[in-house]
């Protein structure tokens, strides 16, 4: 099985949301799609959290010295 990427997971999640919004799936299939959507959502959330931890902001002071600071999303 191919390694899951954020982009592929988001694409699958969007497709599932559309299928569920249309409302034509039998109940059992809709529940399975919902469960898959939850798993994909969790995966995407974890990937975003990992990425956020890796992002840094480079700051340059008045003397031209560059320092690194962790990115904090507020």
N, C-alpha and C. Protein backbone atom coordinates (compact mmCIF):
# COMPACT_ATOMS: atom_id res chain seq x y z
N UNK A 1 0.84 -1.18 0.00
CA UNK A 1 0.00 0.00 0.00
C UNK A 1 0.88 1.25 0.00
N UNK A 2 0.51 2.23 -0.80
CA UNK A 2 1.28 3.47 -0.89
C UNK A 2 1.19 4.25 0.41
N UNK A 3 2.25 4.98 0.69
CA UNK A 3 2.30 5.79 1.90
C UNK A 3 1.30 6.93 1.79
N UNK A 4 0.55 7.14 2.84
CA UNK A 4 -0.46 8.19 2.88
C UNK A 4 0.20 9.56 2.98
N UNK A 5 -0.23 10.49 2.16
CA UNK A 5 0.25 11.86 2.26
C UNK A 5 -0.89 12.74 2.73
N UNK A 6 -0.54 13.91 3.23
CA UNK A 6 -1.55 14.86 3.67
C UNK A 6 -2.50 15.21 2.52
N UNK A 7 -1.92 15.47 1.36
CA UNK A 7 -2.72 15.87 0.21
C UNK A 7 -3.70 14.78 -0.22
N UNK A 8 -3.22 13.53 -0.26
CA UNK A 8 -4.10 12.42 -0.65
C UNK A 8 -5.20 12.21 0.39
N UNK A 9 -4.83 12.33 1.65
CA UNK A 9 -5.82 12.16 2.73
C UNK A 9 -6.89 13.24 2.64
N UNK A 10 -6.49 14.49 2.39
CA UNK A 10 -7.46 15.58 2.27
C UNK A 10 -8.38 15.37 1.07
N UNK A 11 -7.81 14.89 -0.02
CA UNK A 11 -8.60 14.62 -1.22
C UNK A 11 -9.67 13.55 -0.93
N UNK A 12 -9.25 12.48 -0.26
CA UNK A 12 -10.19 11.41 0.10
C UNK A 12 -11.25 11.93 1.06
N UNK A 13 -10.83 12.74 2.03
CA UNK A 13 -11.76 13.29 3.01
C UNK A 13 -12.80 14.18 2.34
N UNK A 14 -12.36 15.03 1.41
CA UNK A 14 -13.30 15.89 0.69
C UNK A 14 -14.31 15.06 -0.10
N UNK A 15 -13.85 13.98 -0.71
CA UNK A 15 -14.75 13.10 -1.48
C UNK A 15 -15.79 12.45 -0.55
N UNK A 16 -15.34 12.01 0.61
CA UNK A 16 -16.24 11.39 1.57
C UNK A 16 -17.29 12.39 2.04
N UNK A 17 -16.85 13.61 2.33
CA UNK A 17 -17.80 14.64 2.78
C UNK A 17 -18.87 14.88 1.71
N UNK A 18 -18.45 14.97 0.47
CA UNK A 18 -19.42 15.17 -0.62
C UNK A 18 -20.40 14.01 -0.71
N UNK A 19 -19.88 12.78 -0.62
CA UNK A 19 -20.75 11.60 -0.69
C UNK A 19 -21.76 11.61 0.45
N UNK A 20 -21.32 11.98 1.64
CA UNK A 20 -22.22 12.01 2.78
C UNK A 20 -23.23 13.15 2.67
N UNK A 21 -22.81 14.28 2.13
CA UNK A 21 -23.72 15.41 1.97
C UNK A 21 -24.83 15.12 0.97
N UNK A 22 -24.50 14.36 -0.06
CA UNK A 22 -25.50 14.00 -1.07
C UNK A 22 -26.61 13.16 -0.42
N UNK A 23 -26.23 12.30 0.51
CA UNK A 23 -27.20 11.55 1.28
C UNK A 23 -27.82 10.36 0.59
N UNK A 24 -27.19 9.83 -0.44
CA UNK A 24 -27.76 8.70 -1.17
C UNK A 24 -27.16 7.36 -0.77
N UNK A 25 -26.22 7.35 0.16
CA UNK A 25 -25.59 6.10 0.58
C UNK A 25 -26.50 5.35 1.55
N UNK A 26 -26.50 4.02 1.45
CA UNK A 26 -27.21 3.23 2.46
C UNK A 26 -26.57 3.49 3.82
N UNK A 27 -27.34 3.31 4.89
CA UNK A 27 -26.88 3.65 6.23
C UNK A 27 -25.55 2.98 6.58
N UNK A 28 -25.42 1.67 6.32
CA UNK A 28 -24.19 0.96 6.67
C UNK A 28 -22.98 1.54 5.94
N UNK A 29 -23.15 1.82 4.65
CA UNK A 29 -22.05 2.38 3.88
C UNK A 29 -21.72 3.80 4.36
N UNK A 30 -22.74 4.57 4.70
CA UNK A 30 -22.52 5.93 5.20
C UNK A 30 -21.75 5.89 6.52
N UNK A 31 -22.06 4.94 7.38
CA UNK A 31 -21.34 4.82 8.65
C UNK A 31 -19.88 4.47 8.40
N UNK A 32 -19.64 3.55 7.47
CA UNK A 32 -18.25 3.18 7.15
C UNK A 32 -17.49 4.37 6.57
N UNK A 33 -18.14 5.12 5.70
CA UNK A 33 -17.52 6.31 5.13
C UNK A 33 -17.23 7.34 6.23
N UNK A 34 -18.17 7.51 7.15
CA UNK A 34 -17.97 8.43 8.26
C UNK A 34 -16.77 8.02 9.10
N UNK A 35 -16.67 6.73 9.42
CA UNK A 35 -15.53 6.23 10.20
C UNK A 35 -14.21 6.47 9.46
N UNK A 36 -14.20 6.22 8.15
CA UNK A 36 -13.01 6.47 7.35
C UNK A 36 -12.66 7.96 7.37
N UNK A 37 -13.69 8.79 7.29
CA UNK A 37 -13.48 10.24 7.34
C UNK A 37 -12.87 10.69 8.66
N UNK A 38 -13.31 10.09 9.76
CA UNK A 38 -12.75 10.42 11.07
C UNK A 38 -11.27 10.05 11.11
N UNK A 39 -10.92 8.87 10.58
CA UNK A 39 -9.52 8.44 10.55
C UNK A 39 -8.68 9.38 9.70
N UNK A 40 -9.20 9.78 8.55
CA UNK A 40 -8.47 10.69 7.68
C UNK A 40 -8.31 12.06 8.34
N UNK A 41 -9.35 12.51 8.99
CA UNK A 41 -9.30 13.79 9.70
C UNK A 41 -8.24 13.77 10.80
N UNK A 42 -8.18 12.69 11.54
CA UNK A 42 -7.18 12.53 12.59
C UNK A 42 -5.78 12.54 12.00
N UNK A 43 -5.59 11.79 10.91
CA UNK A 43 -4.30 11.75 10.23
C UNK A 43 -3.87 13.16 9.79
N UNK A 44 -4.79 13.89 9.15
CA UNK A 44 -4.46 15.24 8.67
C UNK A 44 -4.13 16.17 9.83
N UNK A 45 -4.88 16.07 10.90
CA UNK A 45 -4.64 16.90 12.07
C UNK A 45 -3.25 16.62 12.66
N UNK A 46 -2.89 15.35 12.73
CA UNK A 46 -1.57 14.98 13.24
C UNK A 46 -0.46 15.52 12.34
N UNK A 47 -0.65 15.43 11.03
CA UNK A 47 0.34 15.94 10.09
C UNK A 47 0.50 17.45 10.24
N UNK A 48 -0.60 18.16 10.42
CA UNK A 48 -0.53 19.61 10.61
C UNK A 48 0.20 19.95 11.91
N UNK A 49 -0.08 19.20 12.96
CA UNK A 49 0.60 19.42 14.24
C UNK A 49 2.10 19.19 14.10
N UNK A 50 2.49 18.11 13.41
CA UNK A 50 3.90 17.81 13.20
C UNK A 50 4.58 18.93 12.41
N UNK A 51 3.90 19.40 11.39
CA UNK A 51 4.46 20.45 10.54
C UNK A 51 4.61 21.75 11.32
N UNK A 52 3.61 22.07 12.11
CA UNK A 52 3.66 23.30 12.92
C UNK A 52 4.86 23.30 13.85
N UNK A 53 5.18 22.13 14.39
CA UNK A 53 6.33 22.03 15.30
C UNK A 53 7.65 22.24 14.56
N UNK A 54 7.67 21.94 13.26
CA UNK A 54 8.90 22.07 12.48
C UNK A 54 9.13 23.49 11.95
N UNK A 55 8.03 24.24 11.85
CA UNK A 55 8.14 25.58 11.28
C UNK A 55 8.84 26.51 12.26
N UNK A 56 9.77 27.26 11.75
CA UNK A 56 10.44 28.25 12.59
C UNK A 56 10.41 29.60 11.89
N UNK A 57 10.53 30.63 12.69
CA UNK A 57 10.59 31.98 12.16
C UNK A 57 12.01 32.49 12.36
N UNK A 58 12.60 32.96 11.32
CA UNK A 58 13.93 33.54 11.42
C UNK A 58 13.77 35.05 11.64
N UNK A 59 14.41 35.53 12.65
CA UNK A 59 14.33 36.95 12.99
C UNK A 59 15.70 37.60 12.83
N UNK A 60 15.70 38.80 12.32
CA UNK A 60 16.94 39.54 12.17
C UNK A 60 16.86 40.79 13.02
N UNK A 61 17.86 40.97 13.90
CA UNK A 61 17.86 42.14 14.76
C UNK A 61 18.51 43.32 14.03
N UNK A 62 18.58 44.45 14.70
CA UNK A 62 19.09 45.67 14.08
C UNK A 62 20.55 45.55 13.66
N UNK A 63 21.33 44.70 14.34
CA UNK A 63 22.73 44.52 13.97
C UNK A 63 22.91 43.53 12.83
N UNK A 64 21.83 42.93 12.35
CA UNK A 64 21.90 41.97 11.27
C UNK A 64 22.07 40.53 11.73
N UNK A 65 22.05 40.31 13.04
CA UNK A 65 22.16 38.94 13.57
C UNK A 65 20.83 38.22 13.37
N UNK A 66 20.93 36.99 12.92
CA UNK A 66 19.73 36.19 12.67
C UNK A 66 19.59 35.18 13.80
N UNK A 67 18.39 35.11 14.35
CA UNK A 67 18.11 34.12 15.39
C UNK A 67 16.90 33.31 14.96
N UNK A 68 16.75 32.17 15.55
CA UNK A 68 15.65 31.27 15.21
C UNK A 68 14.70 31.19 16.39
N UNK A 69 13.40 31.23 16.08
CA UNK A 69 12.39 31.18 17.11
C UNK A 69 11.30 30.21 16.68
N UNK A 70 10.80 29.43 17.59
CA UNK A 70 9.74 28.47 17.25
C UNK A 70 8.49 29.23 16.83
N UNK A 71 7.82 28.70 15.82
CA UNK A 71 6.57 29.29 15.34
C UNK A 71 5.45 28.94 16.30
N UNK A 72 4.70 29.94 16.71
CA UNK A 72 3.54 29.72 17.59
C UNK A 72 2.34 30.32 16.91
N UNK A 73 1.35 29.51 16.63
CA UNK A 73 0.12 29.96 16.00
C UNK A 73 -0.86 30.37 17.08
N UNK A 74 -1.34 31.58 16.96
CA UNK A 74 -2.30 32.09 17.96
C UNK A 74 -3.61 32.40 17.33
